[in-house]
Amino acid sequence: MPRRRTFAPKEIHADWWDSHEVVIIRPLREEDNEVIQDNLSEMIAGDAKNASMALKLGTSRRLTMLRAIQSWTLTDEHGRALPLNEQSIKDLAPEDADYIYSEINALNAPMSEAEKKASSMTATPGSPASPA
């Protein structure tokens, strides 16, 4: 087992999509998490004493999909290619969004304890990943 997880993209295809429709997703990195979290909040104007922040939790899925989808060949009901952008993600049918989001989450699931243990056993003595 590799020392660290790979960050290879994955092609996904829901059973109910047309045969040519696929979505290419990628694992998220820490930078992606920072961007998603930073965009979940919004400063509400006010003076120094009255400034506040609002959390926009409803946008979490959309922001995650924006970061994790590399490309897609999805089409509208007339067979026209959908651009990969924020509005197209907002316009997805709930079952399509659910499927894509669940696949992104599965791809980004944390390593299990067994995977971590197996991974740590592959480190070679003297390598930067090994304790001194």
C-alpha atoms as a PDB file:
ATOM      1  CA  MET A   1       0.000   0.000   0.000  1.00  0.00           C
ATOM      2  CA  PRO A   2       1.360   3.465  -0.808  1.00  0.00           C
ATOM      3  CA  ARG A   3       2.567   5.682   1.988  1.00  0.00           C
ATOM      4  CA  ARG A   4       0.075   8.401   1.057  1.00  0.00           C
ATOM      5  CA  ARG A   5      -3.136   8.201  -0.879  1.00  0.00           C
ATOM      6  CA  THR A   6      -2.952   8.982  -4.568  1.00  0.00           C
ATOM      7  CA  PHE A   7      -4.707  11.968  -6.049  1.00  0.00           C
ATOM      8  CA  ALA A   8      -5.797  10.397  -9.317  1.00  0.00           C
ATOM      9  CA  PRO A   9      -9.034  11.619 -10.898  1.00  0.00           C
ATOM     10  CA  LYS A  10     -11.984   9.230 -11.189  1.00  0.00           C
ATOM     11  CA  GLU A  11     -14.625   8.942 -13.905  1.00  0.00           C
ATOM     12  CA  ILE A  12     -18.173   8.443 -12.635  1.00  0.00           C
ATOM     13  CA  HIS A  13     -21.386   7.605 -14.475  1.00  0.00           C
ATOM     14  CA  ALA A  14     -24.856   7.245 -12.972  1.00  0.00           C
ATOM     15  CA  ASP A  15     -27.024   4.412 -14.311  1.00  0.00           C
ATOM     16  CA  TRP A  16     -29.761   6.841 -15.393  1.00  0.00           C
ATOM     17  CA  TRP A  17     -27.469   9.134 -17.421  1.00  0.00           C
ATOM     18  CA  ASP A  18     -27.102   8.869 -21.192  1.00  0.00           C
ATOM     19  CA  SER A  19     -24.239   6.601 -22.238  1.00  0.00           C
ATOM     20  CA  HIS A  20     -21.996   9.531 -23.258  1.00  0.00           C
ATOM     21  CA  GLU A  21     -22.443  11.392 -19.964  1.00  0.00           C
ATOM     22  CA  VAL A  22     -19.612  11.160 -17.450  1.00  0.00           C
ATOM     23  CA  VAL A  23     -18.210  13.346 -14.711  1.00  0.00           C
ATOM     24  CA  ILE A  24     -14.511  13.406 -13.867  1.00  0.00           C
ATOM     25  CA  ILE A  25     -13.932  14.087 -10.174  1.00  0.00           C
ATOM     26  CA  ARG A  26     -10.709  14.511  -8.262  1.00  0.00           C
ATOM     27  CA  PRO A  27      -9.714  14.132  -4.641  1.00  0.00           C
ATOM     28  CA  LEU A  28      -9.677  17.325  -2.638  1.00  0.00           C
ATOM     29  CA  ARG A  29      -6.516  18.710  -1.098  1.00  0.00           C
ATOM     30  CA  GLU A  30      -6.193  20.890   1.978  1.00  0.00           C
ATOM     31  CA  GLU A  31      -6.215  24.036  -0.179  1.00  0.00           C
ATOM     32  CA  ASP A  32      -9.647  23.015  -1.499  1.00  0.00           C
ATOM     33  CA  ASN A  33     -10.955  22.615   2.045  1.00  0.00           C
ATOM     34  CA  GLU A  34      -9.690  26.098   2.909  1.00  0.00           C
ATOM     35  CA  VAL A  35     -11.392  27.666  -0.111  1.00  0.00           C
ATOM     36  CA  ILE A  36     -14.668  25.856   0.614  1.00  0.00           C
ATOM     37  CA  GLN A  37     -14.649  26.868   4.279  1.00  0.00           C
ATOM     38  CA  ASP A  38     -13.655  30.462   3.520  1.00  0.00           C
ATOM     39  CA  ASN A  39     -16.546  30.761   1.064  1.00  0.00           C
ATOM     40  CA  LEU A  40     -19.062  29.417   3.572  1.00  0.00           C
ATOM     41  CA  SER A  41     -18.964  32.620   5.571  1.00  0.00           C
ATOM     42  CA  GLU A  42     -19.929  36.159   4.744  1.00  0.00           C
ATOM     43  CA  MET A  43     -19.165  39.308   6.655  1.00  0.00           C
ATOM     44  CA  ILE A  44     -22.194  41.439   7.370  1.00  0.00           C
ATOM     45  CA  ALA A  45     -21.443  45.134   7.175  1.00  0.00           C
ATOM     46  CA  GLY A  46     -21.354  47.143  10.336  1.00  0.00           C
ATOM     47  CA  ASP A  47     -19.028  49.305  12.348  1.00  0.00           C
ATOM     48  CA  ALA A  48     -16.194  47.818  14.388  1.00  0.00           C
ATOM     49  CA  LYS A  49     -18.516  47.027  17.292  1.00  0.00           C
ATOM     50  CA  ASN A  50     -21.464  45.704  15.279  1.00  0.00           C
ATOM     51  CA  ALA A  51     -19.819  43.682  12.501  1.00  0.00           C
ATOM     52  CA  SER A  52     -20.938  40.071  12.321  1.00  0.00           C
ATOM     53  CA  MET A  53     -20.552  36.999  10.211  1.00  0.00           C
ATOM     54  CA  ALA A  54     -23.185  34.778   8.602  1.00  0.00           C
ATOM     55  CA  LEU A  55     -22.537  31.150   7.744  1.00  0.00           C
ATOM     56  CA  LYS A  56     -23.875  30.003   4.370  1.00  0.00           C
ATOM     57  CA  LEU A  57     -24.104  26.291   5.100  1.00  0.00           C
ATOM     58  CA  GLY A  58     -26.411  25.588   2.176  1.00  0.00           C
ATOM     59  CA  THR A  59     -23.583  26.248  -0.261  1.00  0.00           C
ATOM     60  CA  SER A  60     -21.245  23.552   1.077  1.00  0.00           C
ATOM     61  CA  ARG A  61     -22.248  20.897  -1.474  1.00  0.00           C
ATOM     62  CA  ARG A  62     -22.063  23.300  -4.411  1.00  0.00           C
ATOM     63  CA  LEU A  63     -18.644  24.602  -3.378  1.00  0.00           C
ATOM     64  CA  THR A  64     -17.373  21.055  -2.905  1.00  0.00           C
ATOM     65  CA  MET A  65     -18.601  20.055  -6.352  1.00  0.00           C
ATOM     66  CA  LEU A  66     -17.097  23.192  -7.912  1.00  0.00           C
ATOM     67  CA  ARG A  67     -13.702  22.244  -6.474  1.00  0.00           C
ATOM     68  CA  ALA A  68     -13.853  18.492  -7.116  1.00  0.00           C
ATOM     69  CA  ILE A  69     -15.399  18.238 -10.592  1.00  0.00           C
ATOM     70  CA  GLN A  70     -12.674  18.490 -13.211  1.00  0.00           C
ATOM     71  CA  SER A  71     -14.909  18.068 -16.245  1.00  0.00           C
ATOM     72  CA  TRP A  72     -18.173  16.586 -17.427  1.00  0.00           C
ATOM     73  CA  THR A  73     -20.081  15.675 -20.553  1.00  0.00           C
ATOM     74  CA  LEU A  74     -23.546  16.242 -19.094  1.00  0.00           C
ATOM     75  CA  THR A  75     -26.229  17.530 -21.467  1.00  0.00           C
ATOM     76  CA  ASP A  76     -29.573  19.241 -21.064  1.00  0.00           C
ATOM     77  CA  GLU A  77     -32.930  17.809 -22.103  1.00  0.00           C
ATOM     78  CA  HIS A  78     -32.228  18.898 -25.720  1.00  0.00           C
ATOM     79  CA  GLY A  79     -28.847  17.154 -25.876  1.00  0.00           C
ATOM     80  CA  ARG A  80     -26.829  20.377 -25.618  1.00  0.00           C
ATOM     81  CA  ALA A  81     -23.623  20.271 -23.587  1.00  0.00           C
ATOM     82  CA  LEU A  82     -23.944  21.860 -20.155  1.00  0.00           C
ATOM     83  CA  PRO A  83     -21.091  24.197 -19.271  1.00  0.00           C
ATOM     84  CA  LEU A  84     -19.278  23.257 -16.096  1.00  0.00           C
ATOM     85  CA  ASN A  85     -19.945  26.294 -13.962  1.00  0.00           C
ATOM     86  CA  GLU A  86     -21.620  27.349 -10.740  1.00  0.00           C
ATOM     87  CA  GLN A  87     -25.029  27.922 -12.328  1.00  0.00           C
ATOM     88  CA  SER A  88     -25.072  24.501 -14.014  1.00  0.00           C
ATOM     89  CA  ILE A  89     -24.274  22.871 -10.675  1.00  0.00           C
ATOM     90  CA  LYS A  90     -27.098  24.854  -9.059  1.00  0.00           C
ATOM     91  CA  ASP A  91     -29.436  23.660 -11.839  1.00  0.00           C
ATOM     92  CA  LEU A  92     -28.642  19.940 -11.441  1.00  0.00           C
ATOM     93  CA  ALA A  93     -31.524  17.641 -10.618  1.00  0.00           C
ATOM     94  CA  PRO A  94     -31.334  16.636  -6.932  1.00  0.00           C
ATOM     95  CA  GLU A  95     -30.629  12.978  -7.795  1.00  0.00           C
ATOM     96  CA  ASP A  96     -27.715  14.000 -10.056  1.00  0.00           C
ATOM     97  CA  ALA A  97     -26.278  16.341  -7.425  1.00  0.00           C
ATOM     98  CA  ASP A  98     -26.716  13.668  -4.725  1.00  0.00           C
ATOM     99  CA  TYR A  99     -24.925  11.078  -6.852  1.00  0.00           C
ATOM    100  CA  ILE A 100     -21.999  13.344  -7.772  1.00  0.00           C
ATOM    101  CA  TYR A 101     -21.617  14.628  -4.217  1.00  0.00           C
ATOM    102  CA  SER A 102     -21.691  11.130  -2.721  1.00  0.00           C
ATOM    103  CA  GLU A 103     -19.031   9.963  -5.189  1.00  0.00           C
ATOM    104  CA  ILE A 104     -16.840  12.943  -4.251  1.00  0.00           C
ATOM    105  CA  ASN A 105     -17.286  12.107  -0.565  1.00  0.00           C
ATOM    106  CA  ALA A 106     -16.433   8.442  -1.178  1.00  0.00           C
ATOM    107  CA  LEU A 107     -13.294   9.430  -3.087  1.00  0.00           C
ATOM    108  CA  ASN A 108     -12.285  11.741  -0.240  1.00  0.00           C
ATOM    109  CA  ALA A 109     -13.098   9.425   2.658  1.00  0.00           C
ATOM    110  CA  PRO A 110     -10.385   9.412   5.319  1.00  0.00           C
ATOM    111  CA  MET A 111      -8.092   6.425   5.511  1.00  0.00           C
ATOM    112  CA  SER A 112      -9.320   3.788   7.940  1.00  0.00           C
ATOM    113  CA  GLU A 113      -7.154   2.870  10.918  1.00  0.00           C
ATOM    114  CA  ALA A 114      -6.258  -0.403   9.165  1.00  0.00           C
ATOM    115  CA  GLU A 115      -5.206   1.511   6.027  1.00  0.00           C
ATOM    116  CA  LYS A 116      -3.110   3.907   8.097  1.00  0.00           C
ATOM    117  CA  LYS A 117      -1.417   1.033   9.888  1.00  0.00           C
ATOM    118  CA  ALA A 118      -0.730  -0.866   6.653  1.00  0.00           C
ATOM    119  CA  SER A 119       0.562   2.338   5.090  1.00  0.00           C
ATOM    120  CA  SER A 120       2.947   3.077   7.973  1.00  0.00           C
ATOM    121  CA  MET A 121       4.440  -0.399   7.688  1.00  0.00           C
ATOM    122  CA  THR A 122       5.616   0.348   4.129  1.00  0.00           C
ATOM    123  CA  ALA A 123       7.836   3.264   5.184  1.00  0.00           C
ATOM    124  CA  THR A 124      11.504   2.484   4.755  1.00  0.00           C
ATOM    125  CA  PRO A 125      14.078   3.202   7.478  1.00  0.00           C
ATOM    126  CA  GLY A 126      15.824   6.501   6.957  1.00  0.00           C
ATOM    127  CA  SER A 127      13.110   7.903   4.704  1.00  0.00           C
ATOM    128  CA  PRO A 128      11.702  11.321   5.603  1.00  0.00           C
ATOM    129  CA  ALA A 129       8.378   9.660   6.485  1.00  0.00           C
ATOM    130  CA  SER A 130       9.989   7.370   9.042  1.00  0.00           C
ATOM    131  CA  PRO A 131      10.615   8.379  12.631  1.00  0.00           C
ATOM    132  CA  ALA A 132      14.302   8.841  13.402  1.00  0.00           C
END
